[in-house]
């Protein structure tokens, strides 16, 4: 009973604010990495590949917040 885990709350928070679910789970460096990659994707939107990469990273970070 000491191993209580919540899955849905970090995933829900990551849905609205990318990286917040990882911070809630104590994975600060992973959240910083997500922010850096999303910033790069924002810059790459000018050559249109940033939209695809940004969507992939956004979905992955929600999945990661739910499963890890």
PDB file of N, CA and C in Angstrom:
ATOM      1  N   UNK A   1       0.811  -1.183   0.000  1.00  0.00           N
ATOM      2  CA  UNK A   1       0.000   0.000   0.000  1.00  0.00           C
ATOM      3  C   UNK A   1       0.861   1.256   0.000  1.00  0.00           C
ATOM      4  N   UNK A   2       2.160   1.117   0.229  1.00  0.00           N
ATOM      5  CA  UNK A   2       3.052   2.265   0.225  1.00  0.00           C
ATOM      6  C   UNK A   2       3.394   2.735  -1.170  1.00  0.00           C
ATOM      7  N   UNK A   3       3.102   1.926  -2.202  1.00  0.00           N
ATOM      8  CA  UNK A   3       3.437   2.276  -3.579  1.00  0.00           C
ATOM      9  C   UNK A   3       2.194   2.816  -4.287  1.00  0.00           C
ATOM     10  N   UNK A   4       1.738   3.981  -3.877  1.00  0.00           N
ATOM     11  CA  UNK A   4       0.551   4.591  -4.461  1.00  0.00           C
ATOM     12  C   UNK A   4       0.969   5.434  -5.664  1.00  0.00           C
ATOM     13  N   UNK A   5       0.377   5.134  -6.813  1.00  0.00           N
ATOM     14  CA  UNK A   5       0.721   5.868  -8.024  1.00  0.00           C
ATOM     15  C   UNK A   5      -0.531   6.447  -8.646  1.00  0.00           C
ATOM     16  N   UNK A   6      -0.394   7.633  -9.187  1.00  0.00           N
ATOM     17  CA  UNK A   6      -1.479   8.243  -9.938  1.00  0.00           C
ATOM     18  C   UNK A   6      -1.025   8.368 -11.379  1.00  0.00           C
ATOM     19  N   UNK A   7      -1.881   7.968 -12.273  1.00  0.00           N
ATOM     20  CA  UNK A   7      -1.526   7.999 -13.684  1.00  0.00           C
ATOM     21  C   UNK A   7      -2.265   9.098 -14.432  1.00  0.00           C
ATOM     22  N   UNK A   8      -3.542   9.232 -14.176  1.00  0.00           N
ATOM     23  CA  UNK A   8      -4.360  10.156 -14.955  1.00  0.00           C
ATOM     24  C   UNK A   8      -4.075  11.616 -14.700  1.00  0.00           C
ATOM     25  N   UNK A   9      -3.766  11.984 -13.464  1.00  0.00           N
ATOM     26  CA  UNK A   9      -3.553  13.401 -13.150  1.00  0.00           C
ATOM     27  C   UNK A   9      -2.331  13.963 -13.873  1.00  0.00           C
ATOM     28  N   UNK A  10      -1.160  13.312 -13.833  1.00  0.00           N
ATOM     29  CA  UNK A  10      -0.025  13.870 -14.584  1.00  0.00           C
ATOM     30  C   UNK A  10      -0.280  13.925 -16.084  1.00  0.00           C
ATOM     31  N   UNK A  11      -0.991  12.929 -16.624  1.00  0.00           N
ATOM     32  CA  UNK A  11      -1.295  12.944 -18.056  1.00  0.00           C
ATOM     33  C   UNK A  11      -2.244  14.090 -18.391  1.00  0.00           C
ATOM     34  N   UNK A  12      -3.223  14.321 -17.543  1.00  0.00           N
ATOM     35  CA  UNK A  12      -4.162  15.421 -17.770  1.00  0.00           C
ATOM     36  C   UNK A  12      -3.453  16.780 -17.690  1.00  0.00           C
ATOM     37  N   UNK A  13      -2.564  16.920 -16.721  1.00  0.00           N
ATOM     38  CA  UNK A  13      -1.813  18.173 -16.611  1.00  0.00           C
ATOM     39  C   UNK A  13      -0.896  18.369 -17.810  1.00  0.00           C
ATOM     40  N   UNK A  14      -0.291  17.277 -18.297  1.00  0.00           N
ATOM     41  CA  UNK A  14       0.575  17.377 -19.474  1.00  0.00           C
ATOM     42  C   UNK A  14      -0.206  17.697 -20.732  1.00  0.00           C
ATOM     43  N   UNK A  15      -1.471  17.322 -20.761  1.00  0.00           N
ATOM     44  CA  UNK A  15      -2.311  17.657 -21.916  1.00  0.00           C
ATOM     45  C   UNK A  15      -2.437  19.170 -22.057  1.00  0.00           C
ATOM     46  N   UNK A  16      -2.612  19.856 -20.944  1.00  0.00           N
ATOM     47  CA  UNK A  16      -2.808  21.299 -20.980  1.00  0.00           C
ATOM     48  C   UNK A  16      -1.491  22.084 -20.961  1.00  0.00           C
ATOM     49  N   UNK A  17      -0.520  21.627 -20.184  1.00  0.00           N
ATOM     50  CA  UNK A  17       0.782  22.298 -20.103  1.00  0.00           C
ATOM     51  C   UNK A  17       1.864  21.234 -20.282  1.00  0.00           C
ATOM     52  N   UNK A  18       2.497  21.191 -21.446  1.00  0.00           N
ATOM     53  CA  UNK A  18       3.510  20.166 -21.696  1.00  0.00           C
ATOM     54  C   UNK A  18       4.624  20.199 -20.649  1.00  0.00           C
ATOM     55  N   UNK A  19       4.952  19.027 -20.134  1.00  0.00           N
ATOM     56  CA  UNK A  19       6.024  18.888 -19.153  1.00  0.00           C
ATOM     57  C   UNK A  19       5.566  18.963 -17.710  1.00  0.00           C
ATOM     58  N   UNK A  20       4.369  19.446 -17.472  1.00  0.00           N
ATOM     59  CA  UNK A  20       3.901  19.584 -16.090  1.00  0.00           C
ATOM     60  C   UNK A  20       3.682  18.219 -15.437  1.00  0.00           C
ATOM     61  N   UNK A  21       3.220  17.247 -16.180  1.00  0.00           N
ATOM     62  CA  UNK A  21       3.047  15.903 -15.629  1.00  0.00           C
ATOM     63  C   UNK A  21       4.366  15.291 -15.201  1.00  0.00           C
ATOM     64  N   UNK A  22       5.417  15.549 -15.980  1.00  0.00           N
ATOM     65  CA  UNK A  22       6.736  15.048 -15.613  1.00  0.00           C
ATOM     66  C   UNK A  22       7.232  15.739 -14.350  1.00  0.00           C
ATOM     67  N   UNK A  23       6.975  17.015 -14.189  1.00  0.00           N
ATOM     68  CA  UNK A  23       7.381  17.728 -12.977  1.00  0.00           C
ATOM     69  C   UNK A  23       6.652  17.166 -11.769  1.00  0.00           C
ATOM     70  N   UNK A  24       5.352  16.896 -11.915  1.00  0.00           N
ATOM     71  CA  UNK A  24       4.572  16.325 -10.819  1.00  0.00           C
ATOM     72  C   UNK A  24       5.151  14.971 -10.400  1.00  0.00           C
ATOM     73  N   UNK A  25       5.652  14.215 -11.369  1.00  0.00           N
ATOM     74  CA  UNK A  25       6.225  12.901 -11.073  1.00  0.00           C
ATOM     75  C   UNK A  25       7.688  12.980 -10.634  1.00  0.00           C
ATOM     76  N   UNK A  26       8.255  14.167 -10.574  1.00  0.00           N
ATOM     77  CA  UNK A  26       9.625  14.344 -10.096  1.00  0.00           C
ATOM     78  C   UNK A  26      10.677  14.196 -11.173  1.00  0.00           C
ATOM     79  N   UNK A  27      10.296  14.290 -12.431  1.00  0.00           N
ATOM     80  CA  UNK A  27      11.239  14.149 -13.544  1.00  0.00           C
ATOM     81  C   UNK A  27      11.518  15.524 -14.158  1.00  0.00           C
ATOM     82  N   UNK A  28      12.227  16.345 -13.415  1.00  0.00           N
ATOM     83  CA  UNK A  28      12.461  17.732 -13.807  1.00  0.00           C
ATOM     84  C   UNK A  28      13.282  17.834 -15.090  1.00  0.00           C
ATOM     85  N   UNK A  29      14.327  17.039 -15.220  1.00  0.00           N
ATOM     86  CA  UNK A  29      15.178  17.138 -16.406  1.00  0.00           C
ATOM     87  C   UNK A  29      14.450  16.689 -17.665  1.00  0.00           C
ATOM     88  N   UNK A  30      13.549  15.737 -17.530  1.00  0.00           N
ATOM     89  CA  UNK A  30      12.748  15.312 -18.675  1.00  0.00           C
ATOM     90  C   UNK A  30      11.803  16.444 -19.094  1.00  0.00           C
ATOM     91  N   UNK A  31      11.236  17.155 -18.131  1.00  0.00           N
ATOM     92  CA  UNK A  31      10.358  18.283 -18.441  1.00  0.00           C
ATOM     93  C   UNK A  31      11.134  19.400 -19.141  1.00  0.00           C
ATOM     94  N   UNK A  32      12.328  19.675 -18.670  1.00  0.00           N
ATOM     95  CA  UNK A  32      13.160  20.700 -19.314  1.00  0.00           C
ATOM     96  C   UNK A  32      13.488  20.276 -20.743  1.00  0.00           C
ATOM     97  N   UNK A  33      13.782  19.000 -20.944  1.00  0.00           N
ATOM     98  CA  UNK A  33      14.043  18.490 -22.289  1.00  0.00           C
ATOM     99  C   UNK A  33      12.840  18.648 -23.203  1.00  0.00           C
ATOM    100  N   UNK A  34      11.653  18.389 -22.681  1.00  0.00           N
ATOM    101  CA  UNK A  34      10.431  18.564 -23.465  1.00  0.00           C
ATOM    102  C   UNK A  34      10.264  20.025 -23.867  1.00  0.00           C
ATOM    103  N   UNK A  35      10.513  20.937 -22.940  1.00  0.00           N
ATOM    104  CA  UNK A  35      10.386  22.364 -23.251  1.00  0.00           C
ATOM    105  C   UNK A  35      11.391  22.797 -24.316  1.00  0.00           C
ATOM    106  N   UNK A  36      12.611  22.279 -24.243  1.00  0.00           N
ATOM    107  CA  UNK A  36      13.634  22.632 -25.237  1.00  0.00           C
ATOM    108  C   UNK A  36      13.230  22.110 -26.611  1.00  0.00           C
ATOM    109  N   UNK A  37      12.782  20.862 -26.678  1.00  0.00           N
ATOM    110  CA  UNK A  37      12.386  20.283 -27.965  1.00  0.00           C
ATOM    111  C   UNK A  37      11.177  21.020 -28.536  1.00  0.00           C
ATOM    112  N   UNK A  38      10.208  21.358 -27.696  1.00  0.00           N
ATOM    113  CA  UNK A  38       9.051  22.097 -28.198  1.00  0.00           C
ATOM    114  C   UNK A  38       9.435  23.505 -28.657  1.00  0.00           C
ATOM    115  N   UNK A  39      10.415  24.125 -28.009  1.00  0.00           N
ATOM    116  CA  UNK A  39      10.888  25.437 -28.465  1.00  0.00           C
ATOM    117  C   UNK A  39      11.548  25.317 -29.840  1.00  0.00           C
ATOM    118  N   UNK A  40      12.315  24.254 -30.038  1.00  0.00           N
ATOM    119  CA  UNK A  40      12.935  24.018 -31.347  1.00  0.00           C
ATOM    120  C   UNK A  40      11.862  23.765 -32.396  1.00  0.00           C
ATOM    121  N   UNK A  41      10.833  23.006 -32.039  1.00  0.00           N
ATOM    122  CA  UNK A  41       9.724  22.758 -32.966  1.00  0.00           C
ATOM    123  C   UNK A  41       9.000  24.051 -33.320  1.00  0.00           C
ATOM    124  N   UNK A  42       8.874  24.946 -32.345  1.00  0.00           N
ATOM    125  CA  UNK A  42       8.247  26.235 -32.619  1.00  0.00           C
ATOM    126  C   UNK A  42       9.052  27.016 -33.652  1.00  0.00           C
ATOM    127  N   UNK A  43      10.365  26.982 -33.527  1.00  0.00           N
ATOM    128  CA  UNK A  43      11.226  27.664 -34.498  1.00  0.00           C
ATOM    129  C   UNK A  43      11.122  27.000 -35.867  1.00  0.00           C
ATOM    130  N   UNK A  44      11.038  25.674 -35.897  1.00  0.00           N
ATOM    131  CA  UNK A  44      10.965  24.936 -37.160  1.00  0.00           C
ATOM    132  C   UNK A  44       9.603  25.050 -37.845  1.00  0.00           C
ATOM    133  N   UNK A  45       8.632  25.641 -37.205  1.00  0.00           N
ATOM    134  CA  UNK A  45       7.329  25.800 -37.840  1.00  0.00           C
ATOM    135  C   UNK A  45       7.406  26.693 -39.071  1.00  0.00           C
ATOM    136  N   UNK A  46       8.426  27.487 -39.161  1.00  0.00           N
ATOM    137  CA  UNK A  46       8.578  28.352 -40.326  1.00  0.00           C
ATOM    138  C   UNK A  46       8.925  27.558 -41.581  1.00  0.00           C
ATOM    139  N   UNK A  47       9.468  26.355 -41.407  1.00  0.00           N
ATOM    140  CA  UNK A  47       9.708  25.493 -42.569  1.00  0.00           C
ATOM    141  C   UNK A  47       8.765  24.286 -42.542  1.00  0.00           C
ATOM    142  N   UNK A  48       7.707  24.380 -41.782  1.00  0.00           N
ATOM    143  CA  UNK A  48       6.570  23.467 -41.731  1.00  0.00           C
ATOM    144  C   UNK A  48       6.835  22.109 -41.077  1.00  0.00           C
ATOM    145  N   UNK A  49       8.070  21.703 -40.851  1.00  0.00           N
ATOM    146  CA  UNK A  49       8.310  20.418 -40.198  1.00  0.00           C
ATOM    147  C   UNK A  49       8.048  20.503 -38.693  1.00  0.00           C
ATOM    148  N   UNK A  50       8.076  21.696 -38.141  1.00  0.00           N
ATOM    149  CA  UNK A  50       7.840  21.880 -36.717  1.00  0.00           C
ATOM    150  C   UNK A  50       6.440  21.486 -36.283  1.00  0.00           C
ATOM    151  N   UNK A  51       5.465  21.627 -37.173  1.00  0.00           N
ATOM    152  CA  UNK A  51       4.099  21.235 -36.829  1.00  0.00           C
ATOM    153  C   UNK A  51       4.015  19.737 -36.568  1.00  0.00           C
ATOM    154  N   UNK A  52       4.597  18.946 -37.430  1.00  0.00           N
ATOM    155  CA  UNK A  52       4.569  17.488 -37.273  1.00  0.00           C
ATOM    156  C   UNK A  52       5.373  17.050 -36.055  1.00  0.00           C
ATOM    157  N   UNK A  53       6.587  17.559 -35.924  1.00  0.00           N
ATOM    158  CA  UNK A  53       7.418  17.180 -34.784  1.00  0.00           C
ATOM    159  C   UNK A  53       6.817  17.641 -33.461  1.00  0.00           C
ATOM    160  N   UNK A  54       6.239  18.832 -33.448  1.00  0.00           N
ATOM    161  CA  UNK A  54       5.610  19.340 -32.232  1.00  0.00           C
ATOM    162  C   UNK A  54       4.440  18.472 -31.800  1.00  0.00           C
ATOM    163  N   UNK A  55       3.634  18.030 -32.760  1.00  0.00           N
ATOM    164  CA  UNK A  55       2.499  17.158 -32.440  1.00  0.00           C
ATOM    165  C   UNK A  55       2.975  15.811 -31.901  1.00  0.00           C
ATOM    166  N   UNK A  56       4.028  15.276 -32.494  1.00  0.00           N
ATOM    167  CA  UNK A  56       4.570  13.990 -32.032  1.00  0.00           C
ATOM    168  C   UNK A  56       5.103  14.120 -30.607  1.00  0.00           C
ATOM    169  N   UNK A  57       5.850  15.171 -30.332  1.00  0.00           N
ATOM    170  CA  UNK A  57       6.407  15.381 -28.988  1.00  0.00           C
ATOM    171  C   UNK A  57       5.294  15.607 -27.975  1.00  0.00           C
ATOM    172  N   UNK A  58       4.265  16.361 -28.356  1.00  0.00           N
ATOM    173  CA  UNK A  58       3.153  16.635 -27.440  1.00  0.00           C
ATOM    174  C   UNK A  58       2.420  15.345 -27.056  1.00  0.00           C
ATOM    175  N   UNK A  59       2.127  14.491 -28.044  1.00  0.00           N
ATOM    176  CA  UNK A  59       1.445  13.220 -27.760  1.00  0.00           C
ATOM    177  C   UNK A  59       2.353  12.307 -26.945  1.00  0.00           C
ATOM    178  N   UNK A  60       3.645  12.263 -27.271  1.00  0.00           N
ATOM    179  CA  UNK A  60       4.567  11.396 -26.536  1.00  0.00           C
ATOM    180  C   UNK A  60       4.668  11.804 -25.071  1.00  0.00           C
ATOM    181  N   UNK A  61       4.732  13.101 -24.785  1.00  0.00           N
ATOM    182  CA  UNK A  61       4.904  13.523 -23.400  1.00  0.00           C
ATOM    183  C   UNK A  61       3.655  13.237 -22.572  1.00  0.00           C
ATOM    184  N   UNK A  62       2.477  13.253 -23.183  1.00  0.00           N
ATOM    185  CA  UNK A  62       1.263  12.843 -22.473  1.00  0.00           C
ATOM    186  C   UNK A  62       1.323  11.353 -22.165  1.00  0.00           C
ATOM    187  N   UNK A  63       1.717  10.562 -23.165  1.00  0.00           N
ATOM    188  CA  UNK A  63       1.862   9.112 -22.976  1.00  0.00           C
ATOM    189  C   UNK A  63       2.895   8.801 -21.905  1.00  0.00           C
ATOM    190  N   UNK A  64       4.000   9.523 -21.913  1.00  0.00           N
ATOM    191  CA  UNK A  64       5.059   9.310 -20.937  1.00  0.00           C
ATOM    192  C   UNK A  64       4.599   9.678 -19.529  1.00  0.00           C
ATOM    193  N   UNK A  65       3.853  10.762 -19.401  1.00  0.00           N
ATOM    194  CA  UNK A  65       3.353  11.165 -18.087  1.00  0.00           C
ATOM    195  C   UNK A  65       2.372  10.132 -17.535  1.00  0.00           C
ATOM    196  N   UNK A  66       1.640   9.477 -18.405  1.00  0.00           N
ATOM    197  CA  UNK A  66       0.673   8.474 -17.968  1.00  0.00           C
ATOM    198  C   UNK A  66       1.350   7.166 -17.565  1.00  0.00           C
ATOM    199  N   UNK A  67       2.356   6.747 -18.307  1.00  0.00           N
ATOM    200  CA  UNK A  67       2.936   5.413 -18.106  1.00  0.00           C
ATOM    201  C   UNK A  67       4.099   5.324 -17.146  1.00  0.00           C
ATOM    202  N   UNK A  68       4.926   6.334 -17.045  1.00  0.00           N
ATOM    203  CA  UNK A  68       6.117   6.204 -16.204  1.00  0.00           C
ATOM    204  C   UNK A  68       5.832   6.537 -14.784  1.00  0.00           C
TER     205      UNK A  68
END
